Amino acid sequence: MDEAQTIMPEGRGHRALVRVGLAVALACAAGLAFWWGHGFLVAERTTSFLRWQDPPTVLAGEALYRTHCSSCHGVPGHSPPLAQNGEIAPPHDENGHTWQHPDFALFQLIRDGVAVANCTPVDPDKMPMFRDVLSDSELVAVLSYIKSRWPQRIRTEHDKVNVMYGPYNDAVGALIGSGG
């Protein structure tokens, strides 16, 4: 027997070796397909109840924002004015910190005047609550407008924040009838 025959024996052993090689290759391909598919499905899952890609919602949100928010927070992309209390309210563009909070926390802050991170009410002189001023769908429109004005990289970072708080966003979205 020469050296080539000892490395690749003919007959049954050869066929078994080919079958094992095919099984390993198939298992690797299946694992790779699962990994790619899982990543794709997770990336596509939304945990947001904002409708920032819906033009009518964004347009309504812009009008509401200009009426109720811009006097303190300014218009996204421009520096906010000095508020009546002498402080500058955080801007809602990439220079502010709005995008660092999940949807449900922003919604609760605006509607109820409660900072979710520490469950404390905010000073109504600094941030009024809008529960009796705007409906839940109007609040969603305002937040949708704000998010629509962020650059893609900031929306991507905000989406990552929303993934971490997905169950909370899903619950609030379902409660207010705006589930994602």
Foldseek 3Di string as FASTA:
>chain_A
DDPVCVVQPDDDVNVVVVVVVVVVVVVVVVVVVVVVVVVVVLVPDFLALADLVDVVLLVLLVVVCVVPPCQQQNDAPDAGDQDPVRHHDAHLEPVGCPLVAAPLQQLCCQAPQARVVVRHHDDCSRHNHCVVPDASSNSSSNVSNSLNSYPPVSVVSSRVNSSVVRVSSQVVCVVSVRHD
